C-alpha atoms as a PDB file:
ATOM      1  CA  MET A   1     128.906 107.200 113.638  1.00  0.00           C
ATOM      2  CA  THR A   2     129.177 106.864 117.414  1.00  0.00           C
ATOM      3  CA  ILE A   3     126.546 107.970 119.937  1.00  0.00           C
ATOM      4  CA  VAL A   4     128.760 110.929 120.867  1.00  0.00           C
ATOM      5  CA  GLU A   5     129.020 112.002 117.220  1.00  0.00           C
ATOM      6  CA  LEU A   6     125.275 111.517 116.828  1.00  0.00           C
ATOM      7  CA  ILE A   7     124.536 113.846 119.750  1.00  0.00           C
ATOM      8  CA  GLN A   8     126.981 116.456 118.448  1.00  0.00           C
ATOM      9  CA  GLU A   9     125.477 116.456 114.953  1.00  0.00           C
ATOM     10  CA  PHE A  10     121.773 116.074 115.826  1.00  0.00           C
ATOM     11  CA  GLY A  11     121.515 117.488 119.320  1.00  0.00           C
ATOM     12  CA  THR A  12     118.827 120.074 118.484  1.00  0.00           C
ATOM     13  CA  GLU A  13     115.618 120.111 116.491  1.00  0.00           C
ATOM     14  CA  GLU A  14     117.026 122.809 114.205  1.00  0.00           C
ATOM     15  CA  LYS A  15     119.999 120.624 113.237  1.00  0.00           C
ATOM     16  CA  CYS A  16     117.712 117.646 112.606  1.00  0.00           C
ATOM     17  CA  LEU A  17     115.335 119.763 110.537  1.00  0.00           C
ATOM     18  CA  ALA A  18     118.117 121.173 108.361  1.00  0.00           C
ATOM     19  CA  TYR A  19     119.582 117.701 107.838  1.00  0.00           C
ATOM     20  CA  LEU A  20     116.255 116.141 106.793  1.00  0.00           C
ATOM     21  CA  GLU A  21     115.521 119.058 104.459  1.00  0.00           C
ATOM     22  CA  ARG A  22     118.857 118.498 102.703  1.00  0.00           C
ATOM     23  CA  ILE A  23     117.953 114.835 102.221  1.00  0.00           C
ATOM     24  CA  ARG A  24     114.388 115.404 100.990  1.00  0.00           C
ATOM     25  CA  TRP A  25     115.053 118.507  98.905  1.00  0.00           C
ATOM     26  CA  PRO A  26     118.690 118.423  97.702  1.00  0.00           C
ATOM     27  CA  ASP A  27     117.834 120.884  94.896  1.00  0.00           C
ATOM     28  CA  GLY A  28     115.806 123.249  97.051  1.00  0.00           C
ATOM     29  CA  VAL A  29     112.516 123.146  98.967  1.00  0.00           C
ATOM     30  CA  ALA A  30     109.506 122.183  96.829  1.00  0.00           C
ATOM     31  CA  CYS A  31     105.807 121.804  97.633  1.00  0.00           C
ATOM     32  CA  PRO A  32     104.923 118.092  98.052  1.00  0.00           C
ATOM     33  CA  LEU A  33     101.488 118.695  96.480  1.00  0.00           C
ATOM     34  CA  CYS A  34     102.085 120.817  93.369  1.00  0.00           C
ATOM     35  CA  GLU A  35     105.911 120.415  93.326  1.00  0.00           C
ATOM     36  CA  THR A  36     106.542 124.111  92.771  1.00  0.00           C
ATOM     37  CA  GLU A  37     109.650 125.674  94.282  1.00  0.00           C
ATOM     38  CA  ASP A  38     107.890 129.003  94.828  1.00  0.00           C
ATOM     39  CA  VAL A  39     107.541 128.661  98.606  1.00  0.00           C
ATOM     40  CA  THR A  40     107.881 130.937 101.611  1.00  0.00           C
ATOM     41  CA  LYS A  41     109.363 129.903 104.936  1.00  0.00           C
ATOM     42  CA  LEU A  42     107.110 130.761 107.870  1.00  0.00           C
ATOM     43  CA  SER A  43     108.761 132.718 110.652  1.00  0.00           C
ATOM     44  CA  THR A  44     106.464 131.462 113.434  1.00  0.00           C
ATOM     45  CA  ARG A  45     106.996 127.697 113.050  1.00  0.00           C
ATOM     46  CA  ARG A  46     109.111 125.141 111.199  1.00  0.00           C
ATOM     47  CA  GLU A  47     106.923 125.083 108.077  1.00  0.00           C
ATOM     48  CA  TYR A  48     106.678 126.490 104.579  1.00  0.00           C
ATOM     49  CA  GLN A  49     103.775 127.914 102.596  1.00  0.00           C
ATOM     50  CA  CYS A  50     103.366 127.212  98.917  1.00  0.00           C
ATOM     51  CA  ASN A  51     102.700 130.385  96.915  1.00  0.00           C
ATOM     52  CA  GLY A  52     100.961 128.309  94.259  1.00  0.00           C
ATOM     53  CA  CYS A  53      98.419 126.084  95.988  1.00  0.00           C
ATOM     54  CA  ARG A  54      98.618 128.068  99.272  1.00  0.00           C
ATOM     55  CA  LYS A  55      99.102 124.895 101.318  1.00  0.00           C
ATOM     56  CA  GLN A  56     101.406 124.797 104.326  1.00  0.00           C
ATOM     57  CA  PHE A  57     103.831 121.909 104.737  1.00  0.00           C
ATOM     58  CA  SER A  58     106.959 120.766 106.555  1.00  0.00           C
ATOM     59  CA  VAL A  59     109.772 118.347 105.787  1.00  0.00           C
ATOM     60  CA  THR A  60     107.731 115.478 107.257  1.00  0.00           C
ATOM     61  CA  SER A  61     104.475 116.240 105.398  1.00  0.00           C
ATOM     62  CA  GLY A  62     103.143 113.214 103.510  1.00  0.00           C
ATOM     63  CA  THR A  63     105.885 110.890 104.788  1.00  0.00           C
ATOM     64  CA  ILE A  64     105.900 108.119 107.378  1.00  0.00           C
ATOM     65  CA  MET A  65     106.899 110.823 109.889  1.00  0.00           C
ATOM     66  CA  HIS A  66     103.749 112.811 109.123  1.00  0.00           C
ATOM     67  CA  ARG A  67     101.793 114.054 112.171  1.00  0.00           C
ATOM     68  CA  SER A  68     104.259 112.405 114.539  1.00  0.00           C
ATOM     69  CA  ARG A  69     104.484 114.161 117.898  1.00  0.00           C
ATOM     70  CA  LEU A  70     107.858 112.605 118.564  1.00  0.00           C
ATOM     71  CA  SER A  71     110.796 114.995 118.282  1.00  0.00           C
ATOM     72  CA  LEU A  72     113.041 114.732 115.229  1.00  0.00           C
ATOM     73  CA  THR A  73     115.971 114.120 117.556  1.00  0.00           C
ATOM     74  CA  LYS A  74     114.325 110.938 118.871  1.00  0.00           C
ATOM     75  CA  TRP A  75     113.452 109.846 115.347  1.00  0.00           C
ATOM     76  CA  ILE A  76     117.086 110.101 114.259  1.00  0.00           C
ATOM     77  CA  VAL A  77     118.353 108.362 117.415  1.00  0.00           C
ATOM     78  CA  ALA A  78     115.846 105.553 116.820  1.00  0.00           C
ATOM     79  CA  VAL A  79     117.002 105.119 113.220  1.00  0.00           C
ATOM     80  CA  HIS A  80     120.627 105.028 114.383  1.00  0.00           C
ATOM     81  CA  LEU A  81     119.883 102.368 117.011  1.00  0.00           C
ATOM     82  CA  ILE A  82     117.942 100.163 114.569  1.00  0.00           C
ATOM     83  CA  ALA A  83     120.525 100.513 111.811  1.00  0.00           C
ATOM     84  CA  SER A  84     123.383  99.678 114.197  1.00  0.00           C
ATOM     85  CA  ALA A  85     121.745  96.634 115.817  1.00  0.00           C
ATOM     86  CA  LYS A  86     122.744  93.599 113.749  1.00  0.00           C
ATOM     87  CA  LYS A  87     119.984  91.458 115.256  1.00  0.00           C
ATOM     88  CA  GLY A  88     117.439  94.222 115.733  1.00  0.00           C
ATOM     89  CA  ILE A  89     116.238  96.129 118.769  1.00  0.00           C
ATOM     90  CA  SER A  90     113.018  95.440 120.663  1.00  0.00           C
ATOM     91  CA  ALA A  91     110.289  97.965 121.389  1.00  0.00           C
ATOM     92  CA  CYS A  92     110.986  97.575 125.128  1.00  0.00           C
ATOM     93  CA  GLN A  93     114.638  98.472 124.668  1.00  0.00           C
ATOM     94  CA  LEU A  94     113.795 101.397 122.397  1.00  0.00           C
ATOM     95  CA  GLN A  95     111.251 102.549 124.987  1.00  0.00           C
ATOM     96  CA  ARG A  96     113.997 102.724 127.624  1.00  0.00           C
ATOM     97  CA  HIS A  97     116.473 104.497 125.339  1.00  0.00           C
ATOM     98  CA  LEU A  98     114.019 107.166 124.153  1.00  0.00           C
ATOM     99  CA  ALA A  99     111.984 107.510 127.382  1.00  0.00           C
ATOM    100  CA  VAL A 100     108.677 107.047 125.542  1.00  0.00           C
ATOM    101  CA  HIS A 101     105.608 104.885 126.025  1.00  0.00           C
ATOM    102  CA  TYR A 102     105.826 101.268 124.810  1.00  0.00           C
ATOM    103  CA  ARG A 103     103.156 101.754 122.156  1.00  0.00           C
ATOM    104  CA  THR A 104     105.042 104.789 120.829  1.00  0.00           C
ATOM    105  CA  ALA A 105     108.235 102.738 120.520  1.00  0.00           C
ATOM    106  CA  TRP A 106     106.374  99.834 118.899  1.00  0.00           C
ATOM    107  CA  TYR A 107     104.663 102.092 116.365  1.00  0.00           C
ATOM    108  CA  LEU A 108     107.918 103.954 115.671  1.00  0.00           C
ATOM    109  CA  LEU A 109     109.727 100.684 114.930  1.00  0.00           C
ATOM    110  CA  HIS A 110     107.130  99.617 112.390  1.00  0.00           C
ATOM    111  CA  ARG A 111     107.226 102.967 110.618  1.00  0.00           C
ATOM    112  CA  ILE A 112     111.005 102.829 110.344  1.00  0.00           C
ATOM    113  CA  ARG A 113     110.769  99.277 108.990  1.00  0.00           C
ATOM    114  CA  MET A 114     108.561 100.643 106.224  1.00  0.00           C
ATOM    115  CA  ALA A 115     111.308 103.156 105.422  1.00  0.00           C
ATOM    116  CA  MET A 116     113.863 100.329 105.260  1.00  0.00           C
ATOM    117  CA  LYS A 117     112.002  98.443 102.523  1.00  0.00           C
ATOM    118  CA  GLU A 118     114.252  97.943  99.503  1.00  0.00           C
ATOM    119  CA  ASP A 119     113.166  99.788  96.334  1.00  0.00           C
ATOM    120  CA  THR A 120     115.714  97.963  94.155  1.00  0.00           C
ATOM    121  CA  LEU A 121     114.100  94.537  94.537  1.00  0.00           C
ATOM    122  CA  THR A 122     111.661  94.995  91.639  1.00  0.00           C
ATOM    123  CA  SER A 123     114.090  94.028  88.868  1.00  0.00           C
ATOM    124  CA  LYS A 124     114.851  90.363  88.295  1.00  0.00           C
ATOM    125  CA  MET A 125     118.023  88.767  89.643  1.00  0.00           C
ATOM    126  CA  ALA A 126     120.797  87.412  87.414  1.00  0.00           C
ATOM    127  CA  GLY A 127     123.831  85.239  88.070  1.00  0.00           C
ATOM    128  CA  THR A 128     124.044  82.364  90.527  1.00  0.00           C
ATOM    129  CA  ILE A 129     121.075  82.476  92.901  1.00  0.00           C
ATOM    130  CA  GLU A 130     120.719  80.420  96.079  1.00  0.00           C
ATOM    131  CA  VAL A 131     117.105  79.578  96.948  1.00  0.00           C
ATOM    132  CA  ASP A 132     115.937  78.162 100.256  1.00  0.00           C
ATOM    133  CA  GLU A 133     112.949  78.176 102.594  1.00  0.00           C
ATOM    134  CA  CYS A 134     112.557  78.555 106.336  1.00  0.00           C
ATOM    135  CA  TYR A 135     109.719  78.574 108.845  1.00  0.00           C
ATOM    136  CA  ILE A 136     109.133  81.385 111.334  1.00  0.00           C
ATOM    137  CA  GLY A 137     107.195  80.855 114.531  1.00  0.00           C
ATOM    138  CA  GLY A 138     107.200  78.897 117.762  1.00  0.00           C
ATOM    139  CA  ARG A 139     107.207  75.113 117.844  1.00  0.00           C
ATOM    140  CA  GLU A 140     103.732  73.622 117.987  1.00  0.00           C
ATOM    141  CA  LYS A 141     103.163  71.283 120.906  1.00  0.00           C
ATOM    142  CA  GLY A 142     103.553  67.626 119.937  1.00  0.00           C
ATOM    143  CA  LEU A 143     104.881  68.281 116.428  1.00  0.00           C
ATOM    144  CA  GLY A 144     108.593  67.982 117.188  1.00  0.00           C
ATOM    145  CA  PRO A 145     111.468  70.123 115.875  1.00  0.00           C
ATOM    146  CA  GLY A 146     111.175  69.249 112.153  1.00  0.00           C
ATOM    147  CA  ARG A 147     109.154  70.826 109.405  1.00  0.00           C
ATOM    148  CA  PRO A 148     105.676  71.925 110.484  1.00  0.00           C
ATOM    149  CA  GLY A 149     102.716  69.564 110.275  1.00  0.00           C
ATOM    150  CA  LYS A 150      99.218  70.385 109.088  1.00  0.00           C
ATOM    151  CA  LYS A 151      98.231  71.937 112.413  1.00  0.00           C
ATOM    152  CA  SER A 152     101.333  74.085 112.741  1.00  0.00           C
ATOM    153  CA  LYS A 153     101.104  77.901 112.747  1.00  0.00           C
ATOM    154  CA  LYS A 154     104.650  78.366 111.479  1.00  0.00           C
ATOM    155  CA  VAL A 155     104.894  80.822 108.584  1.00  0.00           C
ATOM    156  CA  PRO A 156     106.928  79.715 105.533  1.00  0.00           C
ATOM    157  CA  VAL A 157     109.350  82.231 104.037  1.00  0.00           C
ATOM    158  CA  MET A 158     111.218  81.936 100.738  1.00  0.00           C
ATOM    159  CA  GLY A 159     114.702  83.418 100.435  1.00  0.00           C
ATOM    160  CA  LEU A 160     116.649  84.148  97.241  1.00  0.00           C
ATOM    161  CA  LYS A 161     120.256  85.305  97.495  1.00  0.00           C
ATOM    162  CA  LYS A 162     122.581  86.213  94.679  1.00  0.00           C
ATOM    163  CA  ARG A 163     126.004  84.684  95.226  1.00  0.00           C
ATOM    164  CA  ASP A 164     128.097  87.379  96.967  1.00  0.00           C
ATOM    165  CA  GLY A 165     125.216  89.805  96.518  1.00  0.00           C
ATOM    166  CA  GLN A 166     121.802  90.856  97.779  1.00  0.00           C
ATOM    167  CA  ILE A 167     119.034  88.783  99.287  1.00  0.00           C
ATOM    168  CA  ARG A 168     115.264  88.921  98.870  1.00  0.00           C
ATOM    169  CA  CYS A 169     112.615  87.362 101.093  1.00  0.00           C
ATOM    170  CA  GLU A 170     108.938  86.726 100.613  1.00  0.00           C
ATOM    171  CA  VAL A 171     106.277  85.279 102.895  1.00  0.00           C
ATOM    172  CA  VAL A 172     104.391  82.481 101.122  1.00  0.00           C
ATOM    173  CA  GLU A 173     101.258  80.547 101.986  1.00  0.00           C
ATOM    174  CA  ASN A 174     103.063  77.209 101.582  1.00  0.00           C
ATOM    175  CA  VAL A 175     106.115  75.706  99.881  1.00  0.00           C
ATOM    176  CA  ASN A 176     104.415  73.454  97.369  1.00  0.00           C
ATOM    177  CA  THR A 177     105.684  73.291  93.794  1.00  0.00           C
ATOM    178  CA  GLN A 178     103.351  76.001  92.487  1.00  0.00           C
ATOM    179  CA  SER A 179     104.223  78.528  95.225  1.00  0.00           C
ATOM    180  CA  VAL A 180     107.962  77.890  94.915  1.00  0.00           C
ATOM    181  CA  MET A 181     107.948  78.251  91.126  1.00  0.00           C
ATOM    182  CA  ASP A 182     105.867  81.435  91.302  1.00  0.00           C
ATOM    183  CA  VAL A 183     108.441  83.063  93.599  1.00  0.00           C
ATOM    184  CA  ILE A 184     111.442  81.909  91.542  1.00  0.00           C
ATOM    185  CA  GLU A 185     109.940  83.011  88.214  1.00  0.00           C
ATOM    186  CA  ARG A 186     108.914  86.382  89.665  1.00  0.00           C
ATOM    187  CA  HIS A 187     112.380  87.236  90.983  1.00  0.00           C
ATOM    188  CA  ILE A 188     114.934  85.443  88.748  1.00  0.00           C
ATOM    189  CA  GLU A 189     115.693  85.835  85.046  1.00  0.00           C
ATOM    190  CA  LYS A 190     115.068  82.686  83.030  1.00  0.00           C
ATOM    191  CA  GLY A 191     118.199  80.761  82.105  1.00  0.00           C
ATOM    192  CA  GLU A 192     120.138  81.789  85.221  1.00  0.00           C
ATOM    193  CA  THR A 193     121.724  79.323  87.650  1.00  0.00           C
ATOM    194  CA  VAL A 194     119.560  78.375  90.634  1.00  0.00           C
ATOM    195  CA  ILE A 195     120.939  76.329  93.542  1.00  0.00           C
ATOM    196  CA  THR A 196     118.541  74.599  95.944  1.00  0.00           C
ATOM    197  CA  ASP A 197     118.418  71.670  98.322  1.00  0.00           C
ATOM    198  CA  TYR A 198     116.514  68.441  97.594  1.00  0.00           C
ATOM    199  CA  LEU A 199     113.076  69.635  98.677  1.00  0.00           C
ATOM    200  CA  PRO A 200     110.671  67.949  96.191  1.00  0.00           C
ATOM    201  CA  SER A 201     108.980  71.290  95.473  1.00  0.00           C
ATOM    202  CA  TYR A 202     112.083  72.375  93.505  1.00  0.00           C
ATOM    203  CA  ARG A 203     111.831  69.517  90.999  1.00  0.00           C
ATOM    204  CA  LEU A 204     110.555  71.729  88.147  1.00  0.00           C
ATOM    205  CA  VAL A 205     113.185  74.477  88.496  1.00  0.00           C
ATOM    206  CA  GLY A 206     115.333  72.857  85.790  1.00  0.00           C
ATOM    207  CA  LEU A 207     112.711  73.503  83.117  1.00  0.00           C
ATOM    208  CA  ASP A 208     113.495  77.244  82.827  1.00  0.00           C
ATOM    209  CA  PHE A 209     116.724  77.571  84.813  1.00  0.00           C
ATOM    210  CA  ILE A 210     120.108  75.900  85.183  1.00  0.00           C
ATOM    211  CA  HIS A 211     119.343  73.907  88.305  1.00  0.00           C
ATOM    212  CA  SER A 212     121.966  72.582  90.746  1.00  0.00           C
ATOM    213  CA  ARG A 213     120.988  70.769  93.959  1.00  0.00           C
ATOM    214  CA  ILE A 214     122.822  69.940  97.166  1.00  0.00           C
ATOM    215  CA  ASN A 215     121.744  66.964  99.264  1.00  0.00           C
ATOM    216  CA  HIS A 216     122.043  68.119 102.878  1.00  0.00           C
ATOM    217  CA  SER A 217     121.666  64.580 104.184  1.00  0.00           C
ATOM    218  CA  ILE A 218     125.065  63.807 102.615  1.00  0.00           C
ATOM    219  CA  LYS A 219     126.993  67.116 102.567  1.00  0.00           C
ATOM    220  CA  TYR A 220     126.432  70.862 102.760  1.00  0.00           C
ATOM    221  CA  VAL A 221     129.057  71.952 100.216  1.00  0.00           C
ATOM    222  CA  ASP A 222     129.975  70.358  96.903  1.00  0.00           C
ATOM    223  CA  GLY A 223     132.439  72.760  95.295  1.00  0.00           C
ATOM    224  CA  GLU A 224     130.413  75.808  94.230  1.00  0.00           C
ATOM    225  CA  ILE A 225     127.104  74.066  94.874  1.00  0.00           C
ATOM    226  CA  HIS A 226     125.747  75.137  98.254  1.00  0.00           C
ATOM    227  CA  THR A 227     123.131  77.360  99.879  1.00  0.00           C
ATOM    228  CA  ASN A 228     125.341  78.637 102.687  1.00  0.00           C
ATOM    229  CA  GLY A 229     124.750  82.291 101.788  1.00  0.00           C
ATOM    230  CA  VAL A 230     120.989  82.261 102.223  1.00  0.00           C
ATOM    231  CA  GLU A 231     121.288  79.993 105.282  1.00  0.00           C
ATOM    232  CA  ASN A 232     123.630  82.553 106.839  1.00  0.00           C
ATOM    233  CA  PHE A 233     120.812  85.089 106.498  1.00  0.00           C
ATOM    234  CA  TRP A 234     118.345  82.649 108.093  1.00  0.00           C
ATOM    235  CA  SER A 235     120.635  82.346 111.112  1.00  0.00           C
ATOM    236  CA  LEU A 236     120.719  86.151 111.549  1.00  0.00           C
ATOM    237  CA  LEU A 237     116.952  86.392 111.144  1.00  0.00           C
ATOM    238  CA  LYS A 238     116.137  83.616 113.601  1.00  0.00           C
ATOM    239  CA  ARG A 239     118.647  84.807 116.210  1.00  0.00           C
ATOM    240  CA  GLY A 240     117.167  88.286 115.944  1.00  0.00           C
ATOM    241  CA  ILE A 241     113.615  87.016 116.392  1.00  0.00           C
ATOM    242  CA  VAL A 242     114.473  84.680 119.271  1.00  0.00           C
ATOM    243  CA  GLY A 243     116.936  87.006 120.997  1.00  0.00           C
ATOM    244  CA  SER A 244     115.405  90.446 120.456  1.00  0.00           C
ATOM    245  CA  TYR A 245     111.723  90.061 119.617  1.00  0.00           C
ATOM    246  CA  HIS A 246     110.858  86.611 121.069  1.00  0.00           C
ATOM    247  CA  HIS A 247     107.683  86.535 118.979  1.00  0.00           C
ATOM    248  CA  VAL A 248     106.652  87.898 115.580  1.00  0.00           C
ATOM    249  CA  SER A 249     103.039  87.805 114.442  1.00  0.00           C
ATOM    250  CA  PRO A 250     102.330  86.607 110.867  1.00  0.00           C
ATOM    251  CA  LYS A 251     100.557  89.917 110.168  1.00  0.00           C
ATOM    252  CA  TYR A 252     103.726  91.984 110.617  1.00  0.00           C
ATOM    253  CA  LEU A 253     106.320  89.398 109.564  1.00  0.00           C
ATOM    254  CA  PRO A 254     106.844  91.111 106.145  1.00  0.00           C
ATOM    255  CA  LEU A 255     107.895  94.304 107.957  1.00  0.00           C
ATOM    256  CA  TYR A 256     110.438  92.406 110.067  1.00  0.00           C
ATOM    257  CA  LEU A 257     111.765  90.781 106.903  1.00  0.00           C
ATOM    258  CA  ASP A 258     112.130  94.237 105.311  1.00  0.00           C
ATOM    259  CA  GLU A 259     114.251  95.292 108.292  1.00  0.00           C
ATOM    260  CA  PHE A 260     116.597  92.306 108.185  1.00  0.00           C
ATOM    261  CA  VAL A 261     116.856  92.268 104.384  1.00  0.00           C
ATOM    262  CA  SER A 262     117.713  95.971 104.308  1.00  0.00           C
ATOM    263  CA  ARG A 263     120.369  95.667 106.996  1.00  0.00           C
ATOM    264  CA  PHE A 264     121.872  92.544 105.385  1.00  0.00           C
ATOM    265  CA  ASN A 265     122.024  94.111 101.915  1.00  0.00           C
ATOM    266  CA  ALA A 266     123.710  97.226 103.353  1.00  0.00           C
ATOM    267  CA  ARG A 267     126.335  95.221 105.257  1.00  0.00           C
ATOM    268  CA  HIS A 268     129.162  96.721 103.171  1.00  0.00           C
ATOM    269  CA  LEU A 269     128.102 100.339 103.849  1.00  0.00           C
ATOM    270  CA  GLU A 270     129.556 102.497 106.573  1.00  0.00           C
ATOM    271  CA  ASN A 271     127.093 102.917 109.443  1.00  0.00           C
ATOM    272  CA  GLY A 272     126.673 106.643 108.820  1.00  0.00           C
ATOM    273  CA  ASP A 273     125.859 106.022 105.152  1.00  0.00           C
ATOM    274  CA  TYR A 274     123.272 103.404 106.075  1.00  0.00           C
ATOM    275  CA  VAL A 275     121.652 105.675 108.668  1.00  0.00           C
ATOM    276  CA  GLU A 276     121.334 108.379 105.991  1.00  0.00           C
ATOM    277  CA  LYS A 277     119.813 105.828 103.591  1.00  0.00           C
ATOM    278  CA  VAL A 278     117.127 104.867 106.126  1.00  0.00           C
ATOM    279  CA  LEU A 279     116.436 108.506 106.989  1.00  0.00           C
ATOM    280  CA  ALA A 280     116.002 109.209 103.284  1.00  0.00           C
ATOM    281  CA  GLY A 281     113.314 106.529 103.282  1.00  0.00           C
ATOM    282  CA  CYS A 282     111.672 108.191 106.291  1.00  0.00           C
ATOM    283  CA  VAL A 283     111.257 111.527 104.492  1.00  0.00           C
ATOM    284  CA  THR A 284     110.445 110.215 101.013  1.00  0.00           C
ATOM    285  CA  ARG A 285     108.073 107.281 101.545  1.00  0.00           C
ATOM    286  CA  LEU A 286     104.318 107.684 101.608  1.00  0.00           C
ATOM    287  CA  ASN A 287     102.458 108.204 104.853  1.00  0.00           C
ATOM    288  CA  GLY A 288     102.744 105.197 107.172  1.00  0.00           C
ATOM    289  CA  GLN A 289      99.109 105.689 108.217  1.00  0.00           C
ATOM    290  CA  GLN A 290      98.143 103.851 105.032  1.00  0.00           C
ATOM    291  CA  TYR A 291      99.187 100.681 106.863  1.00  0.00           C
ATOM    292  CA  ASN A 292      96.671  99.564 109.472  1.00  0.00           C
ATOM    293  CA  PHE A 293      98.886  99.191 112.542  1.00  0.00           C
ATOM    294  CA  SER A 294      97.421  97.665 115.690  1.00  0.00           C
ATOM    295  CA  ASN A 295      99.379  96.282 118.609  1.00  0.00           C
ATOM    296  CA  THR A 296      98.310  92.658 118.109  1.00  0.00           C
END
């Protein structure tokens, strides 16, 4: 979907409202509280009244778009821009595109990231899984470019990618043996093939999994044994953080990971299909006010 097509399809609030209602209620409008379909559309505003519990509601009630004063047109444009930007879009750039205050753009981005969180990542992974770790954050003065020392504020992140499939990421406190094994056992079926590098923390993986290792000090690929898939994701993530965001606080890093994981896992979808997927998350997820956002 191009910008021109976007404007033609969602140029008015009425078009946006009808589109979001089709996504949230494909089988007909239902009350979000009592779930009855016995509702009446109000003629004075874009809301409905439930004839059962007598509550009034709209398509955004109870979702991450709840109580937002931003127009639906700007919401949909923002989703389109985020979904189309391979390395993300900053709050400053979104502020210029939407002509809103910086804090509005920043808050909007975080809410949309909540809508992008993958629901399918609860089941365990099967097949050949590449596992690797990376560190997010600026270089600490005097520590050099390698792995972080004890005084470093870099945040470790574990990545697990199914060969030619989806990726999952999780922020961890450290990458010692216990933390690494907890992540692997939580996300991967026992007995599956796990490929890692020679980090000592992976030494116990072979107890419950078929473990293959690649020594990066000698080579990066040994036939089918490599971690190039998950490292490709790391390159996208780090280029996005350095190029678009410049800095990501540890508090909100999981939300940024949700954004990049969602976009990476949807890389085979057409852009219009992915935009609709994210918008579906916007009108079906619980209220974003449950997350304590503060611009720090």
